[in-house]
N, C-alpha and C. Protein backbone atom coordinates (compact mmCIF):
# COMPACT_ATOMS: atom_id res chain seq x y z
N UNK A 1 -61.15 -20.68 1.45
CA UNK A 1 -61.39 -22.54 1.74
C UNK A 1 -60.80 -23.09 0.97
N UNK A 2 -59.92 -24.24 1.22
CA UNK A 2 -59.11 -25.23 0.68
C UNK A 2 -60.43 -26.52 -0.03
N UNK A 3 -59.93 -26.74 -1.22
CA UNK A 3 -60.84 -27.78 -2.01
C UNK A 3 -61.48 -29.17 -1.13
N UNK A 4 -60.00 -29.14 -0.30
CA UNK A 4 -60.46 -30.09 1.45
C UNK A 4 -61.82 -30.16 2.07
N UNK A 5 -61.19 -28.61 2.46
CA UNK A 5 -62.47 -28.00 3.61
C UNK A 5 -63.80 -27.66 2.72
N UNK A 6 -63.79 -27.40 1.50
CA UNK A 6 -65.02 -27.21 1.13
C UNK A 6 -66.00 -28.65 0.91
N UNK A 7 -64.78 -29.64 0.46
CA UNK A 7 -65.83 -31.29 0.21
C UNK A 7 -66.02 -31.81 1.96
N UNK A 8 -65.62 -30.92 2.97
CA UNK A 8 -65.56 -31.72 4.17
C UNK A 8 -66.85 -31.15 4.39
N UNK A 9 -67.09 -30.15 4.13
CA UNK A 9 -68.42 -29.16 4.52
C UNK A 9 -69.33 -29.22 4.05
N UNK A 10 -69.17 -30.16 2.59
CA UNK A 10 -70.67 -30.41 2.11
C UNK A 10 -70.68 -31.94 2.43
N UNK A 11 -70.08 -32.66 2.67
CA UNK A 11 -70.28 -34.18 3.65
C UNK A 11 -70.82 -33.69 4.81
N UNK A 12 -70.74 -32.55 5.49
CA UNK A 12 -71.43 -32.87 6.80
C UNK A 12 -72.63 -31.97 6.62
N UNK A 13 -72.87 -31.34 5.35
CA UNK A 13 -74.21 -30.70 5.65
C UNK A 13 -75.35 -32.27 5.05
N UNK A 14 -74.49 -32.95 4.29
CA UNK A 14 -75.10 -34.22 3.99
C UNK A 14 -75.53 -34.75 5.26
N UNK A 15 -74.61 -35.01 6.04
CA UNK A 15 -75.03 -35.69 6.95
C UNK A 15 -75.74 -35.57 8.25
N UNK A 16 -76.00 -33.80 8.04
CA UNK A 16 -76.85 -32.86 9.04
C UNK A 16 -78.04 -33.49 8.47
N UNK A 17 -78.58 -33.86 7.00
CA UNK A 17 -80.00 -34.49 6.48
C UNK A 17 -80.49 -35.47 7.74
N UNK A 18 -81.90 -35.41 7.97
CA UNK A 18 -82.61 -36.45 8.73
C UNK A 18 -81.93 -38.06 7.91
N UNK A 19 -81.86 -38.95 8.82
CA UNK A 19 -81.44 -40.33 8.32
C UNK A 19 -82.70 -40.88 7.15
N UNK A 20 -83.79 -40.33 7.26
CA UNK A 20 -84.70 -41.02 6.23
C UNK A 20 -84.84 -40.25 5.00
N UNK A 21 -84.13 -38.73 5.21
CA UNK A 21 -83.95 -37.87 3.38
C UNK A 21 -82.61 -38.69 3.11
N UNK A 22 -81.89 -38.70 3.93
CA UNK A 22 -80.52 -39.46 3.35
C UNK A 22 -80.46 -40.73 3.46
N UNK A 23 -81.57 -42.00 3.77
CA UNK A 23 -81.63 -43.27 2.93
C UNK A 23 -82.23 -43.12 1.94
N UNK A 24 -82.62 -42.03 1.35
CA UNK A 24 -83.58 -42.71 0.31
C UNK A 24 -82.22 -41.43 -1.27
N UNK A 25 -81.22 -40.99 -0.64
CA UNK A 25 -80.12 -40.40 -2.05
C UNK A 25 -79.71 -41.55 -2.30
N UNK A 26 -79.68 -41.95 -3.74
CA UNK A 26 -79.63 -43.38 -4.48
C UNK A 26 -79.24 -42.32 -5.89
N UNK A 27 -78.39 -43.39 -6.23
CA UNK A 27 -77.80 -43.23 -7.75
C UNK A 27 -77.63 -41.84 -7.88
N UNK A 28 -76.73 -41.19 -7.07
CA UNK A 28 -76.64 -39.76 -7.23
C UNK A 28 -75.11 -38.81 -6.66
N UNK A 29 -74.27 -38.39 -7.67
CA UNK A 29 -72.83 -37.52 -7.33
C UNK A 29 -73.31 -36.30 -6.92
N UNK A 30 -72.41 -36.10 -6.17
CA UNK A 30 -72.23 -34.20 -5.49
C UNK A 30 -70.86 -33.77 -6.26
N UNK A 31 -70.47 -33.30 -6.91
CA UNK A 31 -69.12 -32.63 -7.43
C UNK A 31 -69.44 -31.04 -6.92
N UNK A 32 -67.53 -31.06 -7.29
CA UNK A 32 -67.24 -29.43 -6.84
C UNK A 32 -66.62 -29.22 -8.56
N UNK A 33 -67.31 -28.03 -8.89
CA UNK A 33 -66.30 -26.98 -10.12
C UNK A 33 -66.41 -26.02 -9.80
N UNK A 34 -64.98 -25.42 -10.65
CA UNK A 34 -64.95 -23.89 -9.90
C UNK A 34 -65.63 -23.10 -10.08
N UNK A 35 -66.50 -23.29 -11.08
CA UNK A 35 -67.37 -21.89 -11.65
C UNK A 35 -68.27 -22.72 -13.16
N UNK A 36 -69.48 -22.21 -13.80
CA UNK A 36 -69.82 -22.87 -14.68
C UNK A 36 -69.45 -21.42 -15.60
N UNK A 37 -69.48 -22.07 -16.56
CA UNK A 37 -69.10 -21.79 -17.81
C UNK A 37 -70.03 -20.08 -18.28
N UNK A 38 -71.56 -20.46 -18.15
CA UNK A 38 -72.34 -19.30 -18.92
C UNK A 38 -72.97 -18.48 -17.71
N UNK A 39 -73.17 -19.22 -16.59
CA UNK A 39 -73.66 -18.31 -15.43
C UNK A 39 -72.90 -18.01 -14.40
N UNK A 40 -72.64 -16.84 -14.47
CA UNK A 40 -70.98 -16.94 -13.07
C UNK A 40 -72.26 -16.77 -11.66
N UNK A 41 -73.76 -16.25 -12.05
CA UNK A 41 -74.20 -16.72 -10.33
C UNK A 41 -74.81 -17.43 -10.38
N UNK A 42 -74.14 -18.79 -11.02
CA UNK A 42 -75.11 -19.99 -10.23
C UNK A 42 -74.32 -20.49 -9.38
N UNK A 43 -74.98 -21.20 -8.37
CA UNK A 43 -74.58 -21.42 -7.05
C UNK A 43 -74.41 -23.32 -7.22
N UNK A 44 -75.12 -23.72 -7.39
CA UNK A 44 -75.33 -25.33 -8.01
C UNK A 44 -76.61 -25.26 -8.72
N UNK A 45 -76.32 -26.83 -8.92
CA UNK A 45 -77.13 -27.06 -10.52
C UNK A 45 -77.26 -28.92 -9.94
N UNK A 46 -79.08 -28.98 -9.97
CA UNK A 46 -79.29 -30.32 -10.15
C UNK A 46 -79.60 -31.04 -11.32
N UNK A 47 -78.60 -32.09 -11.91
CA UNK A 47 -79.10 -32.45 -13.06
C UNK A 47 -79.86 -33.82 -12.76
N UNK A 48 -80.62 -34.69 -13.88
CA UNK A 48 -81.68 -35.69 -13.45
C UNK A 48 -83.09 -35.72 -13.38
N UNK A 49 -83.20 -36.80 -12.99
CA UNK A 49 -84.79 -37.26 -12.91
C UNK A 49 -85.23 -36.65 -11.43
N UNK A 50 -85.91 -36.35 -10.96
CA UNK A 50 -86.12 -35.91 -9.66
C UNK A 50 -86.86 -37.69 -9.32
N UNK A 51 -86.92 -37.58 -7.92
CA UNK A 51 -87.52 -38.78 -7.03
C UNK A 51 -88.74 -38.58 -7.44
N UNK A 52 -89.37 -37.91 -7.32
CA UNK A 52 -90.95 -38.11 -7.20
C UNK A 52 -91.58 -37.89 -8.80
N UNK A 53 -90.54 -37.61 -10.07
CA UNK A 53 -90.79 -38.30 -10.85
C UNK A 53 -90.36 -39.75 -12.01
N UNK A 54 -90.06 -40.37 -10.65
CA UNK A 54 -89.21 -41.77 -11.20
C UNK A 54 -90.77 -42.72 -11.04
N UNK A 55 -90.20 -43.68 -12.21
CA UNK A 55 -91.29 -44.41 -12.64
C UNK A 55 -91.12 -45.76 -12.43
N UNK A 56 -91.82 -46.81 -12.93
CA UNK A 56 -91.27 -48.26 -12.92
C UNK A 56 -89.71 -48.75 -14.13
N UNK A 57 -90.08 -47.51 -15.44
CA UNK A 57 -89.04 -47.26 -16.11
C UNK A 57 -87.86 -46.91 -15.80
N UNK A 58 -87.46 -46.63 -14.25
CA UNK A 58 -86.51 -45.67 -14.15
C UNK A 58 -85.24 -46.63 -13.63
N UNK A 59 -84.12 -46.92 -14.23
CA UNK A 59 -83.45 -48.13 -14.05
C UNK A 59 -82.21 -47.61 -14.86
N UNK A 60 -81.00 -48.32 -14.50
CA UNK A 60 -79.83 -48.59 -15.54
C UNK A 60 -79.53 -46.93 -16.05
N UNK A 61 -79.26 -46.18 -15.55
CA UNK A 61 -79.34 -44.78 -16.01
C UNK A 61 -78.07 -44.56 -15.04
N UNK A 62 -77.06 -43.40 -15.91
CA UNK A 62 -76.33 -42.57 -14.96
C UNK A 62 -76.65 -42.13 -14.03
N UNK A 63 -75.64 -41.74 -12.70
CA UNK A 63 -76.48 -41.14 -11.51
C UNK A 63 -76.50 -39.74 -11.93
N UNK A 64 -77.55 -39.10 -10.77
CA UNK A 64 -77.76 -37.59 -10.82
C UNK A 64 -76.73 -37.22 -10.49
N UNK A 65 -76.62 -35.96 -10.64
CA UNK A 65 -75.68 -34.82 -10.16
C UNK A 65 -75.94 -33.90 -9.67
N UNK A 66 -75.40 -33.20 -8.19
CA UNK A 66 -75.40 -32.45 -8.20
C UNK A 66 -74.09 -31.67 -8.09
N UNK A 67 -73.57 -30.01 -9.05
CA UNK A 67 -72.82 -29.65 -8.97
C UNK A 67 -73.22 -28.35 -8.32
N UNK A 68 -71.76 -28.13 -7.22
CA UNK A 68 -71.29 -27.17 -6.87
C UNK A 68 -70.57 -26.04 -7.11
N UNK A 69 -70.77 -24.59 -6.94
CA UNK A 69 -70.14 -24.18 -7.61
C UNK A 69 -69.37 -23.05 -6.71
N UNK A 70 -68.20 -23.85 -6.70
CA UNK A 70 -66.73 -23.19 -5.34
C UNK A 70 -66.92 -21.78 -5.54
N UNK A 71 -66.06 -21.12 -6.51
CA UNK A 71 -65.54 -20.18 -6.76
C UNK A 71 -66.91 -18.93 -6.65
N UNK A 72 -68.07 -19.26 -7.29
CA UNK A 72 -69.41 -18.46 -6.82
C UNK A 72 -69.79 -18.62 -5.37
N UNK A 73 -69.44 -19.70 -4.61
CA UNK A 73 -70.10 -19.49 -3.06
C UNK A 73 -69.19 -18.61 -2.63
N UNK A 74 -67.84 -18.65 -2.80
CA UNK A 74 -67.02 -18.37 -2.37
C UNK A 74 -67.03 -16.79 -2.58
N UNK A 75 -67.55 -16.06 -3.73
CA UNK A 75 -67.37 -14.81 -4.08
C UNK A 75 -68.25 -14.07 -3.04
N UNK A 76 -69.34 -14.92 -3.00
CA UNK A 76 -70.61 -13.94 -2.44
C UNK A 76 -70.88 -13.80 -0.81
N UNK A 77 -69.48 -14.53 -0.32
CA UNK A 77 -69.78 -15.19 1.25
C UNK A 77 -68.64 -14.29 1.87
N UNK A 78 -69.58 -13.36 3.38
CA UNK A 78 -68.65 -12.36 3.50
C UNK A 78 -67.42 -13.10 4.62
N UNK A 79 -67.41 -14.07 4.99
CA UNK A 79 -66.47 -14.68 6.15
C UNK A 79 -66.57 -16.27 6.08
N UNK A 80 -65.90 -16.84 6.45
CA UNK A 80 -65.50 -18.48 6.38
C UNK A 80 -66.70 -19.13 7.04
N UNK A 81 -67.10 -18.42 7.96
CA UNK A 81 -68.68 -18.89 8.55
C UNK A 81 -69.95 -18.95 7.48
N UNK A 82 -69.61 -17.67 6.64
CA UNK A 82 -71.12 -17.36 6.20
C UNK A 82 -70.61 -18.30 4.78
N UNK A 83 -69.78 -18.67 4.65
CA UNK A 83 -69.13 -19.80 3.83
C UNK A 83 -69.26 -21.10 4.04
N UNK A 84 -69.58 -21.53 4.89
CA UNK A 84 -69.85 -22.91 5.35
C UNK A 84 -71.46 -22.91 5.31
N UNK A 85 -72.38 -21.77 6.06
CA UNK A 85 -73.72 -21.85 5.76
C UNK A 85 -74.27 -21.57 4.84
N UNK A 86 -73.34 -20.83 3.63
CA UNK A 86 -73.95 -21.11 2.17
C UNK A 86 -73.70 -22.20 1.58
N UNK A 87 -72.56 -23.09 1.96
CA UNK A 87 -72.64 -25.04 1.12
C UNK A 87 -73.79 -25.50 1.81
N UNK A 88 -74.00 -25.14 2.84
CA UNK A 88 -74.98 -26.38 3.50
C UNK A 88 -76.28 -25.98 2.93
N UNK A 89 -76.71 -24.55 2.07
CA UNK A 89 -77.88 -24.42 2.24
C UNK A 89 -78.11 -24.77 0.48
N UNK A 90 -77.14 -24.46 -0.48
CA UNK A 90 -76.92 -24.77 -1.75
C UNK A 90 -77.42 -26.35 -2.17
N UNK A 91 -76.39 -27.13 -0.83
CA UNK A 91 -76.53 -28.02 -0.71
C UNK A 91 -77.32 -29.17 -0.39
N UNK A 92 -78.68 -28.17 0.44
CA UNK A 92 -79.42 -28.67 1.06
C UNK A 92 -80.96 -28.23 -0.52
N UNK A 93 -80.63 -26.84 -0.71
CA UNK A 93 -81.70 -26.77 -2.34
C UNK A 93 -81.25 -27.77 -3.13
N UNK A 94 -80.27 -27.82 -3.88
CA UNK A 94 -79.92 -28.80 -4.89
C UNK A 94 -80.23 -30.29 -3.99
N UNK A 95 -80.60 -31.03 -3.10
CA UNK A 95 -81.25 -32.10 -2.44
C UNK A 95 -82.85 -31.73 -2.60
N UNK A 96 -83.05 -30.78 -2.31
CA UNK A 96 -84.46 -30.71 -2.75
C UNK A 96 -84.62 -30.98 -3.82
N UNK A 97 -83.93 -30.49 -5.07
CA UNK A 97 -84.06 -30.22 -6.04
C UNK A 97 -84.40 -32.18 -6.57
N UNK A 98 -83.61 -32.56 -6.02
CA UNK A 98 -83.27 -34.07 -6.17
C UNK A 98 -84.71 -34.94 -6.19
N UNK A 99 -85.06 -34.57 -4.63
CA UNK A 99 -86.51 -34.84 -3.97
C UNK A 99 -87.92 -34.55 -5.23
N UNK A 100 -87.42 -33.23 -6.22
CA UNK A 100 -88.82 -33.00 -6.62
C UNK A 100 -89.28 -31.54 -6.04
N UNK A 101 -88.84 -30.88 -5.19
CA UNK A 101 -89.33 -29.58 -5.00
C UNK A 101 -88.84 -29.27 -6.30
N UNK A 102 -89.54 -27.68 -6.66
CA UNK A 102 -89.39 -26.65 -7.62
C UNK A 102 -88.75 -25.50 -6.70
N UNK A 103 -88.19 -24.61 -7.38
CA UNK A 103 -87.47 -23.19 -7.20
C UNK A 103 -88.55 -22.75 -5.90
N UNK A 104 -89.89 -22.49 -6.68
CA UNK A 104 -90.54 -21.88 -5.96
C UNK A 104 -91.31 -22.76 -4.57
N UNK A 105 -91.58 -23.69 -4.96
CA UNK A 105 -91.41 -24.75 -3.49
C UNK A 105 -90.48 -24.58 -2.09
N UNK A 106 -89.07 -24.76 -2.56
CA UNK A 106 -88.11 -24.64 -2.00
C UNK A 106 -87.94 -22.80 -1.26
N UNK A 107 -88.12 -22.14 -2.04
CA UNK A 107 -88.45 -21.05 -1.40
C UNK A 107 -89.50 -20.76 -0.26
N UNK A 108 -90.62 -21.49 -0.58
CA UNK A 108 -91.26 -21.39 0.70
C UNK A 108 -90.70 -22.00 1.77
N UNK A 109 -90.38 -23.30 1.71
CA UNK A 109 -89.60 -23.99 2.83
C UNK A 109 -88.29 -22.89 3.61
N UNK A 110 -87.86 -22.08 2.68
CA UNK A 110 -86.39 -21.03 3.51
C UNK A 110 -87.58 -20.01 4.24
N UNK A 111 -88.53 -19.88 4.15
CA UNK A 111 -88.79 -19.09 5.13
C UNK A 111 -89.93 -19.87 6.06
């Protein structure tokens, strides 16, 4: 998948979020990198202060970041459709972290 197709799929995943959730995405960047240096199995990474942990002190900060690791997502995908599904899944998972859900909480939502 080209980088442009990957970006479009990420945008589609965000647009597919319920409007209530989309409206709460604030001060966040979503970036695409080829692969993490240290962890070859990492598909995505949320960096920032989760929404549920923000208090009155939160302001004048750099945007939170969601990093999607393109090479790793592509490597575990069986075909083009599986790749699109995995991109959506990783985007949703990392946005879940933005809202303050732990990996354990997110895994219960997947089932």
